[in-house]
Amino acid sequence: MDEPFAWLTIAVAAVVTYLWRGLGVALAGRVAPDSRVLDWVTCVAYALLAGLVARMILVPVGPLASVDLWMRLAAVVAAVGCYLAVGRRLLPGVLAGATTLATLAAVSGL
């Protein structure tokens, strides 16, 4: 890929990204916080996040691919269990899952 084309690609990607962000900022004040539109946006955001997490667990790429599936699932169980045990607090759940995954990977020699 030649250099001018690379810069053009980056510029087009930036314009498209910032166009949607600007539109979001412009419309954010006009949408009621309890509207059906925001309910839909929230559902879509959660669905995207759930899809990405499922993909990371079931079809990982990069260094995570070298970690066995049972280790990834054990980390999920630890994360969700801690999240629920401490009153639905996200940070302790994330830390429990990450610590479990790192510990299992280290013990297995990965």
PDB file of N, CA and C in Angstrom:
ATOM      1  N   MET A   1       0.866  -1.173   0.000  1.00  0.00           N
ATOM      2  CA  MET A   1       0.000   0.000   0.000  1.00  0.00           C
ATOM      3  C   MET A   1       0.907   1.228   0.000  1.00  0.00           C
ATOM      4  N   ASP A   2       0.673   2.128  -0.946  1.00  0.00           N
ATOM      5  CA  ASP A   2       1.515   3.321  -0.995  1.00  0.00           C
ATOM      6  C   ASP A   2       1.071   4.339   0.048  1.00  0.00           C
ATOM      7  N   GLU A   3       1.979   5.242   0.378  1.00  0.00           N
ATOM      8  CA  GLU A   3       1.757   6.151   1.506  1.00  0.00           C
ATOM      9  C   GLU A   3       0.562   7.093   1.325  1.00  0.00           C
ATOM     10  N   PRO A   4       0.359   7.720   0.156  1.00  0.00           N
ATOM     11  CA  PRO A   4      -0.819   8.610   0.038  1.00  0.00           C
ATOM     12  C   PRO A   4      -2.139   7.872   0.246  1.00  0.00           C
ATOM     13  N   PHE A   5      -2.229   6.640  -0.258  1.00  0.00           N
ATOM     14  CA  PHE A   5      -3.458   5.871  -0.080  1.00  0.00           C
ATOM     15  C   PHE A   5      -3.681   5.540   1.389  1.00  0.00           C
ATOM     16  N   ALA A   6      -2.606   5.241   2.106  1.00  0.00           N
ATOM     17  CA  ALA A   6      -2.726   4.945   3.536  1.00  0.00           C
ATOM     18  C   ALA A   6      -3.252   6.161   4.290  1.00  0.00           C
ATOM     19  N   TRP A   7      -2.717   7.339   3.980  1.00  0.00           N
ATOM     20  CA  TRP A   7      -3.183   8.561   4.653  1.00  0.00           C
ATOM     21  C   TRP A   7      -4.632   8.869   4.297  1.00  0.00           C
ATOM     22  N   LEU A   8      -5.006   8.627   3.050  1.00  0.00           N
ATOM     23  CA  LEU A   8      -6.396   8.849   2.638  1.00  0.00           C
ATOM     24  C   LEU A   8      -7.331   7.899   3.387  1.00  0.00           C
ATOM     25  N   THR A   9      -6.918   6.657   3.536  1.00  0.00           N
ATOM     26  CA  THR A   9      -7.723   5.678   4.269  1.00  0.00           C
ATOM     27  C   THR A   9      -7.906   6.105   5.718  1.00  0.00           C
ATOM     28  N   ILE A  10      -6.835   6.554   6.352  1.00  0.00           N
ATOM     29  CA  ILE A  10      -6.916   7.015   7.741  1.00  0.00           C
ATOM     30  C   ILE A  10      -7.823   8.234   7.847  1.00  0.00           C
ATOM     31  N   ALA A  11      -7.708   9.164   6.904  1.00  0.00           N
ATOM     32  CA  ALA A  11      -8.533  10.375   6.937  1.00  0.00           C
ATOM     33  C   ALA A  11     -10.011  10.046   6.769  1.00  0.00           C
ATOM     34  N   VAL A  12     -10.333   9.161   5.845  1.00  0.00           N
ATOM     35  CA  VAL A  12     -11.735   8.779   5.633  1.00  0.00           C
ATOM     36  C   VAL A  12     -12.286   8.078   6.875  1.00  0.00           C
ATOM     37  N   ALA A  13     -11.505   7.190   7.460  1.00  0.00           N
ATOM     38  CA  ALA A  13     -11.950   6.504   8.678  1.00  0.00           C
ATOM     39  C   ALA A  13     -12.185   7.500   9.809  1.00  0.00           C
ATOM     40  N   ALA A  14     -11.310   8.492   9.940  1.00  0.00           N
ATOM     41  CA  ALA A  14     -11.473   9.504  10.993  1.00  0.00           C
ATOM     42  C   ALA A  14     -12.729  10.334  10.759  1.00  0.00           C
ATOM     43  N   VAL A  15     -12.965  10.739   9.523  1.00  0.00           N
ATOM     44  CA  VAL A  15     -14.153  11.547   9.221  1.00  0.00           C
ATOM     45  C   VAL A  15     -15.422  10.768   9.539  1.00  0.00           C
ATOM     46  N   VAL A  16     -15.474   9.521   9.121  1.00  0.00           N
ATOM     47  CA  VAL A  16     -16.667   8.708   9.377  1.00  0.00           C
ATOM     48  C   VAL A  16     -16.876   8.523  10.878  1.00  0.00           C
ATOM     49  N   THR A  17     -15.797   8.241  11.604  1.00  0.00           N
ATOM     50  CA  THR A  17     -15.902   8.047  13.053  1.00  0.00           C
ATOM     51  C   THR A  17     -16.390   9.311  13.742  1.00  0.00           C
ATOM     52  N   TYR A  18     -15.764  10.439  13.430  1.00  0.00           N
ATOM     53  CA  TYR A  18     -16.118  11.681  14.116  1.00  0.00           C
ATOM     54  C   TYR A  18     -17.463  12.232  13.659  1.00  0.00           C
ATOM     55  N   LEU A  19     -17.901  11.878  12.459  1.00  0.00           N
ATOM     56  CA  LEU A  19     -19.232  12.275  12.008  1.00  0.00           C
ATOM     57  C   LEU A  19     -20.290  11.657  12.919  1.00  0.00           C
ATOM     58  N   TRP A  20     -20.174  10.354  13.193  1.00  0.00           N
ATOM     59  CA  TRP A  20     -21.146   9.686  14.059  1.00  0.00           C
ATOM     60  C   TRP A  20     -21.056  10.183  15.492  1.00  0.00           C
ATOM     61  N   ARG A  21     -19.836  10.443  15.954  1.00  0.00           N
ATOM     62  CA  ARG A  21     -19.690  10.973  17.315  1.00  0.00           C
ATOM     63  C   ARG A  21     -20.315  12.359  17.421  1.00  0.00           C
ATOM     64  N   GLY A  22     -20.085  13.188  16.428  1.00  0.00           N
ATOM     65  CA  GLY A  22     -20.675  14.529  16.429  1.00  0.00           C
ATOM     66  C   GLY A  22     -22.189  14.470  16.379  1.00  0.00           C
ATOM     67  N   LEU A  23     -22.720  13.570  15.571  1.00  0.00           N
ATOM     68  CA  LEU A  23     -24.167  13.398  15.504  1.00  0.00           C
ATOM     69  C   LEU A  23     -24.719  12.949  16.854  1.00  0.00           C
ATOM     70  N   GLY A  24     -24.002  12.064  17.528  1.00  0.00           N
ATOM     71  CA  GLY A  24     -24.426  11.622  18.859  1.00  0.00           C
ATOM     72  C   GLY A  24     -24.442  12.761  19.860  1.00  0.00           C
ATOM     73  N   VAL A  25     -23.420  13.602  19.818  1.00  0.00           N
ATOM     74  CA  VAL A  25     -23.365  14.755  20.726  1.00  0.00           C
ATOM     75  C   VAL A  25     -24.503  15.719  20.421  1.00  0.00           C
ATOM     76  N   ALA A  26     -24.767  15.958  19.141  1.00  0.00           N
ATOM     77  CA  ALA A  26     -25.823  16.891  18.758  1.00  0.00           C
ATOM     78  C   ALA A  26     -27.205  16.390  19.170  1.00  0.00           C
ATOM     79  N   LEU A  27     -27.418  15.096  19.093  1.00  0.00           N
ATOM     80  CA  LEU A  27     -28.740  14.546  19.402  1.00  0.00           C
ATOM     81  C   LEU A  27     -28.915  14.157  20.864  1.00  0.00           C
ATOM     82  N   ALA A  28     -27.840  14.066  21.613  1.00  0.00           N
ATOM     83  CA  ALA A  28     -27.919  13.583  22.996  1.00  0.00           C
ATOM     84  C   ALA A  28     -28.819  14.449  23.861  1.00  0.00           C
ATOM     85  N   GLY A  29     -28.798  15.731  23.666  1.00  0.00           N
ATOM     86  CA  GLY A  29     -29.625  16.615  24.482  1.00  0.00           C
ATOM     87  C   GLY A  29     -31.093  16.586  24.109  1.00  0.00           C
ATOM     88  N   ARG A  30     -31.407  16.040  22.934  1.00  0.00           N
ATOM     89  CA  ARG A  30     -32.791  16.039  22.459  1.00  0.00           C
ATOM     90  C   ARG A  30     -33.536  14.741  22.759  1.00  0.00           C
ATOM     91  N   VAL A  31     -32.829  13.747  23.260  1.00  0.00           N
ATOM     92  CA  VAL A  31     -33.445  12.449  23.520  1.00  0.00           C
ATOM     93  C   VAL A  31     -33.729  12.332  25.012  1.00  0.00           C
ATOM     94  N   ALA A  32     -34.942  11.973  25.343  1.00  0.00           N
ATOM     95  CA  ALA A  32     -35.327  11.817  26.751  1.00  0.00           C
ATOM     96  C   ALA A  32     -34.614  10.601  27.347  1.00  0.00           C
ATOM     97  N   PRO A  33     -34.121  10.727  28.574  1.00  0.00           N
ATOM     98  CA  PRO A  33     -33.377   9.620  29.187  1.00  0.00           C
ATOM     99  C   PRO A  33     -34.182   8.329  29.340  1.00  0.00           C
ATOM    100  N   ASP A  34     -35.494   8.422  29.403  1.00  0.00           N
ATOM    101  CA  ASP A  34     -36.319   7.226  29.569  1.00  0.00           C
ATOM    102  C   ASP A  34     -37.052   6.849  28.281  1.00  0.00           C
ATOM    103  N   SER A  35     -36.505   7.257  27.133  1.00  0.00           N
ATOM    104  CA  SER A  35     -37.185   7.006  25.860  1.00  0.00           C
ATOM    105  C   SER A  35     -36.925   5.587  25.355  1.00  0.00           C
ATOM    106  N   ARG A  36     -37.750   5.162  24.437  1.00  0.00           N
ATOM    107  CA  ARG A  36     -37.615   3.844  23.816  1.00  0.00           C
ATOM    108  C   ARG A  36     -36.340   3.776  22.981  1.00  0.00           C
ATOM    109  N   VAL A  37     -35.939   4.917  22.426  1.00  0.00           N
ATOM    110  CA  VAL A  37     -34.724   4.946  21.613  1.00  0.00           C
ATOM    111  C   VAL A  37     -33.512   4.590  22.469  1.00  0.00           C
ATOM    112  N   LEU A  38     -33.405   5.193  23.634  1.00  0.00           N
ATOM    113  CA  LEU A  38     -32.272   4.888  24.508  1.00  0.00           C
ATOM    114  C   LEU A  38     -32.353   3.474  25.066  1.00  0.00           C
ATOM    115  N   ASP A  39     -33.549   2.963  25.275  1.00  0.00           N
ATOM    116  CA  ASP A  39     -33.682   1.560  25.678  1.00  0.00           C
ATOM    117  C   ASP A  39     -33.115   0.646  24.591  1.00  0.00           C
ATOM    118  N   TRP A  40     -33.433   0.960  23.329  1.00  0.00           N
ATOM    119  CA  TRP A  40     -32.928   0.176  22.206  1.00  0.00           C
ATOM    120  C   TRP A  40     -31.409   0.288  22.106  1.00  0.00           C
ATOM    121  N   VAL A  41     -30.880   1.496  22.229  1.00  0.00           N
ATOM    122  CA  VAL A  41     -29.430   1.702  22.163  1.00  0.00           C
ATOM    123  C   VAL A  41     -28.734   0.925  23.276  1.00  0.00           C
ATOM    124  N   THR A  42     -29.302   0.939  24.470  1.00  0.00           N
ATOM    125  CA  THR A  42     -28.736   0.190  25.591  1.00  0.00           C
ATOM    126  C   THR A  42     -28.725  -1.305  25.293  1.00  0.00           C
ATOM    127  N   CYS A  43     -29.819  -1.813  24.749  1.00  0.00           N
ATOM    128  CA  CYS A  43     -29.888  -3.239  24.408  1.00  0.00           C
ATOM    129  C   CYS A  43     -28.848  -3.608  23.353  1.00  0.00           C
ATOM    130  N   VAL A  44     -28.691  -2.764  22.346  1.00  0.00           N
ATOM    131  CA  VAL A  44     -27.701  -3.028  21.300  1.00  0.00           C
ATOM    132  C   VAL A  44     -26.289  -3.008  21.883  1.00  0.00           C
ATOM    133  N   ALA A  45     -26.012  -2.050  22.760  1.00  0.00           N
ATOM    134  CA  ALA A  45     -24.685  -1.967  23.378  1.00  0.00           C
ATOM    135  C   ALA A  45     -24.389  -3.214  24.206  1.00  0.00           C
ATOM    136  N   TYR A  46     -25.352  -3.666  24.993  1.00  0.00           N
ATOM    137  CA  TYR A  46     -25.156  -4.882  25.785  1.00  0.00           C
ATOM    138  C   TYR A  46     -24.984  -6.106  24.888  1.00  0.00           C
ATOM    139  N   ALA A  47     -25.732  -6.165  23.795  1.00  0.00           N
ATOM    140  CA  ALA A  47     -25.609  -7.299  22.877  1.00  0.00           C
ATOM    141  C   ALA A  47     -24.231  -7.326  22.223  1.00  0.00           C
ATOM    142  N   LEU A  48     -23.724  -6.162  21.823  1.00  0.00           N
ATOM    143  CA  LEU A  48     -22.385  -6.102  21.242  1.00  0.00           C
ATOM    144  C   LEU A  48     -21.327  -6.535  22.251  1.00  0.00           C
ATOM    145  N   LEU A  49     -21.454  -6.061  23.464  1.00  0.00           N
ATOM    146  CA  LEU A  49     -20.501  -6.435  24.509  1.00  0.00           C
ATOM    147  C   LEU A  49     -20.558  -7.934  24.787  1.00  0.00           C
ATOM    148  N   ALA A  50     -21.758  -8.481  24.882  1.00  0.00           N
ATOM    149  CA  ALA A  50     -21.903  -9.918  25.131  1.00  0.00           C
ATOM    150  C   ALA A  50     -21.304 -10.731  23.985  1.00  0.00           C
ATOM    151  N   GLY A  51     -21.509 -10.280  22.765  1.00  0.00           N
ATOM    152  CA  GLY A  51     -20.926 -10.970  21.614  1.00  0.00           C
ATOM    153  C   GLY A  51     -19.412 -10.949  21.625  1.00  0.00           C
ATOM    154  N   LEU A  52     -18.843  -9.808  21.974  1.00  0.00           N
ATOM    155  CA  LEU A  52     -17.384  -9.707  22.036  1.00  0.00           C
ATOM    156  C   LEU A  52     -16.806 -10.582  23.144  1.00  0.00           C
ATOM    157  N   VAL A  53     -17.457 -10.599  24.291  1.00  0.00           N
ATOM    158  CA  VAL A  53     -16.986 -11.441  25.396  1.00  0.00           C
ATOM    159  C   VAL A  53     -17.092 -12.915  25.013  1.00  0.00           C
ATOM    160  N   ALA A  54     -18.205 -13.303  24.411  1.00  0.00           N
ATOM    161  CA  ALA A  54     -18.372 -14.698  23.989  1.00  0.00           C
ATOM    162  C   ALA A  54     -17.309 -15.083  22.965  1.00  0.00           C
ATOM    163  N   ARG A  55     -17.008 -14.183  22.053  1.00  0.00           N
ATOM    164  CA  ARG A  55     -15.974 -14.460  21.053  1.00  0.00           C
ATOM    165  C   ARG A  55     -14.608 -14.621  21.708  1.00  0.00           C
ATOM    166  N   MET A  56     -14.305 -13.775  22.684  1.00  0.00           N
ATOM    167  CA  MET A  56     -13.019 -13.885  23.376  1.00  0.00           C
ATOM    168  C   MET A  56     -12.901 -15.208  24.128  1.00  0.00           C
ATOM    169  N   ILE A  57     -14.009 -15.695  24.649  1.00  0.00           N
ATOM    170  CA  ILE A  57     -13.978 -16.943  25.414  1.00  0.00           C
ATOM    171  C   ILE A  57     -13.943 -18.153  24.484  1.00  0.00           C
ATOM    172  N   LEU A  58     -14.781 -18.165  23.470  1.00  0.00           N
ATOM    173  CA  LEU A  58     -14.945 -19.349  22.637  1.00  0.00           C
ATOM    174  C   LEU A  58     -14.008 -19.411  21.437  1.00  0.00           C
ATOM    175  N   VAL A  59     -13.670 -18.258  20.856  1.00  0.00           N
ATOM    176  CA  VAL A  59     -12.813 -18.223  19.673  1.00  0.00           C
ATOM    177  C   VAL A  59     -11.741 -17.147  19.868  1.00  0.00           C
ATOM    178  N   PRO A  60     -10.835 -17.349  20.804  1.00  0.00           N
ATOM    179  CA  PRO A  60      -9.846 -16.305  21.093  1.00  0.00           C
ATOM    180  C   PRO A  60      -8.784 -16.214  20.001  1.00  0.00           C
ATOM    181  N   VAL A  61      -8.152 -15.066  19.923  1.00  0.00           N
ATOM    182  CA  VAL A  61      -7.035 -14.857  19.009  1.00  0.00           C
ATOM    183  C   VAL A  61      -5.854 -14.331  19.816  1.00  0.00           C
ATOM    184  N   GLY A  62      -4.684 -14.423  19.239  1.00  0.00           N
ATOM    185  CA  GLY A  62      -3.491 -13.913  19.906  1.00  0.00           C
ATOM    186  C   GLY A  62      -3.086 -14.784  21.079  1.00  0.00           C
ATOM    187  N   PRO A  63      -2.482 -14.174  22.086  1.00  0.00           N
ATOM    188  CA  PRO A  63      -1.990 -14.945  23.238  1.00  0.00           C
ATOM    189  C   PRO A  63      -3.094 -15.694  23.991  1.00  0.00           C
ATOM    190  N   LEU A  64      -4.308 -15.173  23.977  1.00  0.00           N
ATOM    191  CA  LEU A  64      -5.402 -15.842  24.686  1.00  0.00           C
ATOM    192  C   LEU A  64      -5.734 -17.196  24.060  1.00  0.00           C
ATOM    193  N   ALA A  65      -5.408 -17.375  22.786  1.00  0.00           N
ATOM    194  CA  ALA A  65      -5.691 -18.645  22.113  1.00  0.00           C
ATOM    195  C   ALA A  65      -4.870 -19.793  22.690  1.00  0.00           C
ATOM    196  N   SER A  66      -3.746 -19.482  23.330  1.00  0.00           N
ATOM    197  CA  SER A  66      -2.915 -20.543  23.909  1.00  0.00           C
ATOM    198  C   SER A  66      -3.436 -21.013  25.268  1.00  0.00           C
ATOM    199  N   VAL A  67      -4.399 -20.299  25.823  1.00  0.00           N
ATOM    200  CA  VAL A  67      -4.985 -20.673  27.114  1.00  0.00           C
ATOM    201  C   VAL A  67      -6.136 -21.648  26.854  1.00  0.00           C
ATOM    202  N   ASP A  68      -6.154 -22.748  27.584  1.00  0.00           N
ATOM    203  CA  ASP A  68      -7.197 -23.766  27.394  1.00  0.00           C
ATOM    204  C   ASP A  68      -8.589 -23.198  27.678  1.00  0.00           C
ATOM    205  N   LEU A  69      -9.579 -23.798  27.006  1.00  0.00           N
ATOM    206  CA  LEU A  69     -10.964 -23.365  27.182  1.00  0.00           C
ATOM    207  C   LEU A  69     -11.411 -23.492  28.635  1.00  0.00           C
ATOM    208  N   TRP A  70     -11.041 -24.563  29.302  1.00  0.00           N
ATOM    209  CA  TRP A  70     -11.488 -24.747  30.691  1.00  0.00           C
ATOM    210  C   TRP A  70     -10.954 -23.639  31.587  1.00  0.00           C
ATOM    211  N   MET A  71      -9.767 -23.121  31.289  1.00  0.00           N
ATOM    212  CA  MET A  71      -9.221 -22.018  32.086  1.00  0.00           C
ATOM    213  C   MET A  71     -10.016 -20.733  31.850  1.00  0.00           C
ATOM    214  N   ARG A  72     -10.351 -20.492  30.602  1.00  0.00           N
ATOM    215  CA  ARG A  72     -11.149 -19.296  30.288  1.00  0.00           C
ATOM    216  C   ARG A  72     -12.523 -19.390  30.939  1.00  0.00           C
ATOM    217  N   LEU A  73     -13.132 -20.582  30.898  1.00  0.00           N
ATOM    218  CA  LEU A  73     -14.445 -20.758  31.526  1.00  0.00           C
ATOM    219  C   LEU A  73     -14.359 -20.654  33.048  1.00  0.00           C
ATOM    220  N   ALA A  74     -13.282 -21.162  33.638  1.00  0.00           N
ATOM    221  CA  ALA A  74     -13.096 -21.030  35.091  1.00  0.00           C
ATOM    222  C   ALA A  74     -12.975 -19.561  35.479  1.00  0.00           C
ATOM    223  N   ALA A  75     -12.297 -18.780  34.658  1.00  0.00           N
ATOM    224  CA  ALA A  75     -12.173 -17.345  34.932  1.00  0.00           C
ATOM    225  C   ALA A  75     -13.534 -16.656  34.848  1.00  0.00           C
ATOM    226  N   VAL A  76     -14.357 -17.075  33.901  1.00  0.00           N
ATOM    227  CA  VAL A  76     -15.705 -16.504  33.784  1.00  0.00           C
ATOM    228  C   VAL A  76     -16.530 -16.845  35.019  1.00  0.00           C
ATOM    229  N   VAL A  77     -16.467 -18.093  35.452  1.00  0.00           N
ATOM    230  CA  VAL A  77     -17.216 -18.506  36.646  1.00  0.00           C
ATOM    231  C   VAL A  77     -16.750 -17.711  37.865  1.00  0.00           C
ATOM    232  N   ALA A  78     -15.440 -17.543  38.014  1.00  0.00           N
ATOM    233  CA  ALA A  78     -14.912 -16.773  39.144  1.00  0.00           C
ATOM    234  C   ALA A  78     -15.356 -15.316  39.067  1.00  0.00           C
ATOM    235  N   ALA A  79     -15.328 -14.746  37.871  1.00  0.00           N
ATOM    236  CA  ALA A  79     -15.714 -13.342  37.707  1.00  0.00           C
ATOM    237  C   ALA A  79     -17.187 -13.131  38.028  1.00  0.00           C
ATOM    238  N   VAL A  80     -18.048 -13.962  37.467  1.00  0.00           N
ATOM    239  CA  VAL A  80     -19.484 -13.813  37.704  1.00  0.00           C
ATOM    240  C   VAL A  80     -19.820 -14.119  39.160  1.00  0.00           C
ATOM    241  N   GLY A  81     -19.196 -15.143  39.719  1.00  0.00           N
ATOM    242  CA  GLY A  81     -19.439 -15.476  41.122  1.00  0.00           C
ATOM    243  C   GLY A  81     -19.047 -14.353  42.055  1.00  0.00           C
ATOM    244  N   CYS A  82     -17.889 -13.766  41.834  1.00  0.00           N
ATOM    245  CA  CYS A  82     -17.445 -12.650  42.676  1.00  0.00           C
ATOM    246  C   CYS A  82     -18.344 -11.433  42.473  1.00  0.00           C
ATOM    247  N   TYR A  83     -18.702 -11.164  41.227  1.00  0.00           N
ATOM    248  CA  TYR A  83     -19.589 -10.041  40.912  1.00  0.00           C
ATOM    249  C   TYR A  83     -20.898 -10.151  41.694  1.00  0.00           C
ATOM    250  N   LEU A  84     -21.482 -11.330  41.706  1.00  0.00           N
ATOM    251  CA  LEU A  84     -22.744 -11.532  42.421  1.00  0.00           C
ATOM    252  C   LEU A  84     -22.547 -11.558  43.933  1.00  0.00           C
ATOM    253  N   ALA A  85     -21.425 -12.106  44.386  1.00  0.00           N
ATOM    254  CA  ALA A  85     -21.185 -12.238  45.828  1.00  0.00           C
ATOM    255  C   ALA A  85     -20.956 -10.899  46.514  1.00  0.00           C
ATOM    256  N   VAL A  86     -20.394  -9.942  45.800  1.00  0.00           N
ATOM    257  CA  VAL A  86     -20.083  -8.647  46.428  1.00  0.00           C
ATOM    258  C   VAL A  86     -21.122  -7.582  46.096  1.00  0.00           C
ATOM    259  N   GLY A  87     -22.301  -8.007  45.697  1.00  0.00           N
ATOM    260  CA  GLY A  87     -23.380  -7.046  45.472  1.00  0.00           C
ATOM    261  C   GLY A  87     -23.361  -6.362  44.120  1.00  0.00           C
ATOM    262  N   ARG A  88     -23.063  -7.132  43.073  1.00  0.00           N
ATOM    263  CA  ARG A  88     -23.094  -6.631  41.698  1.00  0.00           C
ATOM    264  C   ARG A  88     -22.130  -5.463  41.474  1.00  0.00           C
ATOM    265  N   ARG A  89     -20.942  -5.582  42.024  1.00  0.00           N
ATOM    266  CA  ARG A  89     -19.904  -4.574  41.805  1.00  0.00           C
ATOM    267  C   ARG A  89     -18.968  -5.091  40.724  1.00  0.00           C
ATOM    268  N   LEU A  90     -18.768  -4.288  39.687  1.00  0.00           N
ATOM    269  CA  LEU A  90     -18.055  -4.731  38.499  1.00  0.00           C
ATOM    270  C   LEU A  90     -16.558  -4.929  38.731  1.00  0.00           C
ATOM    271  N   LEU A  91     -15.904  -3.983  39.376  1.00  0.00           N
ATOM    272  CA  LEU A  91     -14.450  -4.057  39.526  1.00  0.00           C
ATOM    273  C   LEU A  91     -13.982  -5.323  40.249  1.00  0.00           C
ATOM    274  N   PRO A  92     -14.576  -5.693  41.378  1.00  0.00           N
ATOM    275  CA  PRO A  92     -14.126  -6.950  42.009  1.00  0.00           C
ATOM    276  C   PRO A  92     -14.333  -8.172  41.113  1.00  0.00           C
ATOM    277  N   GLY A  93     -15.418  -8.184  40.351  1.00  0.00           N
ATOM    278  CA  GLY A  93     -15.656  -9.299  39.440  1.00  0.00           C
ATOM    279  C   GLY A  93     -14.608  -9.380  38.345  1.00  0.00           C
ATOM    280  N   VAL A  94     -14.281  -8.238  37.767  1.00  0.00           N
ATOM    281  CA  VAL A  94     -13.255  -8.207  36.720  1.00  0.00           C
ATOM    282  C   VAL A  94     -11.904  -8.637  37.289  1.00  0.00           C
ATOM    283  N   LEU A  95     -11.572  -8.117  38.457  1.00  0.00           N
ATOM    284  CA  LEU A  95     -10.295  -8.487  39.080  1.00  0.00           C
ATOM    285  C   LEU A  95     -10.241  -9.976  39.409  1.00  0.00           C
ATOM    286  N   ALA A  96     -11.338 -10.535  39.889  1.00  0.00           N
ATOM    287  CA  ALA A  96     -11.374 -11.970  40.202  1.00  0.00           C
ATOM    288  C   ALA A  96     -11.182 -12.808  38.942  1.00  0.00           C
ATOM    289  N   GLY A  97     -11.850 -12.434  37.866  1.00  0.00           N
ATOM    290  CA  GLY A  97     -11.708 -13.175  36.616  1.00  0.00           C
ATOM    291  C   GLY A  97     -10.306 -13.077  36.042  1.00  0.00           C
ATOM    292  N   ALA A  98      -9.753 -11.870  36.035  1.00  0.00           N
ATOM    293  CA  ALA A  98      -8.404 -11.683  35.498  1.00  0.00           C
ATOM    294  C   ALA A  98      -7.361 -12.411  36.343  1.00  0.00           C
ATOM    295  N   THR A  99      -7.525 -12.338  37.657  1.00  0.00           N
ATOM    296  CA  THR A  99      -6.586 -13.023  38.551  1.00  0.00           C
ATOM    297  C   THR A  99      -6.670 -14.535  38.380  1.00  0.00           C
ATOM    298  N   THR A 100      -7.876 -15.048  38.263  1.00  0.00           N
ATOM    299  CA  THR A 100      -8.053 -16.491  38.062  1.00  0.00           C
ATOM    300  C   THR A 100      -7.408 -16.936  36.761  1.00  0.00           C
ATOM    301  N   LEU A 101      -7.652 -16.208  35.693  1.00  0.00           N
ATOM    302  CA  LEU A 101      -7.082 -16.573  34.395  1.00  0.00           C
ATOM    303  C   LEU A 101      -5.558 -16.503  34.427  1.00  0.00           C
ATOM    304  N   ALA A 102      -5.015 -15.431  34.986  1.00  0.00           N
ATOM    305  CA  ALA A 102      -3.558 -15.283  35.052  1.00  0.00           C
ATOM    306  C   ALA A 102      -2.931 -16.373  35.917  1.00  0.00           C
ATOM    307  N   THR A 103      -3.563 -16.693  37.030  1.00  0.00           N
ATOM    308  CA  THR A 103      -3.026 -17.724  37.925  1.00  0.00           C
ATOM    309  C   THR A 103      -3.049 -19.095  37.263  1.00  0.00           C
ATOM    310  N   LEU A 104      -4.174 -19.444  36.647  1.00  0.00           N
ATOM    311  CA  LEU A 104      -4.261 -20.746  35.979  1.00  0.00           C
ATOM    312  C   LEU A 104      -3.261 -20.852  34.832  1.00  0.00           C
ATOM    313  N   ALA A 105      -3.102 -19.783  34.078  1.00  0.00           N
ATOM    314  CA  ALA A 105      -2.144 -19.797  32.970  1.00  0.00           C
ATOM    315  C   ALA A 105      -0.715 -19.925  33.491  1.00  0.00           C
ATOM    316  N   ALA A 106      -0.406 -19.227  34.576  1.00  0.00           N
ATOM    317  CA  ALA A 106       0.948 -19.291  35.139  1.00  0.00           C
ATOM    318  C   ALA A 106       1.245 -20.671  35.713  1.00  0.00           C
ATOM    319  N   VAL A 107       0.272 -21.250  36.410  1.00  0.00           N
ATOM    320  CA  VAL A 107       0.472 -22.573  37.012  1.00  0.00           C
ATOM    321  C   VAL A 107       0.659 -23.641  35.933  1.00  0.00           C
ATOM    322  N   SER A 108      -0.039 -23.489  34.813  1.00  0.00           N
ATOM    323  CA  SER A 108       0.075 -24.484  33.744  1.00  0.00           C
ATOM    324  C   SER A 108       1.310 -24.267  32.878  1.00  0.00           C
ATOM    325  N   GLY A 109       2.044 -23.192  33.138  1.00  0.00           N
ATOM    326  CA  GLY A 109       3.281 -22.948  32.404  1.00  0.00           C
ATOM    327  C   GLY A 109       3.123 -22.144  31.135  1.00  0.00           C
ATOM    328  N   LEU A 110       2.032 -21.479  30.970  1.00  0.00           N
ATOM    329  CA  LEU A 110       1.831 -20.656  29.766  1.00  0.00           C
ATOM    330  C   LEU A 110       2.425 -19.284  29.918  1.00  0.00           C
TER     331      LEU A 110
END
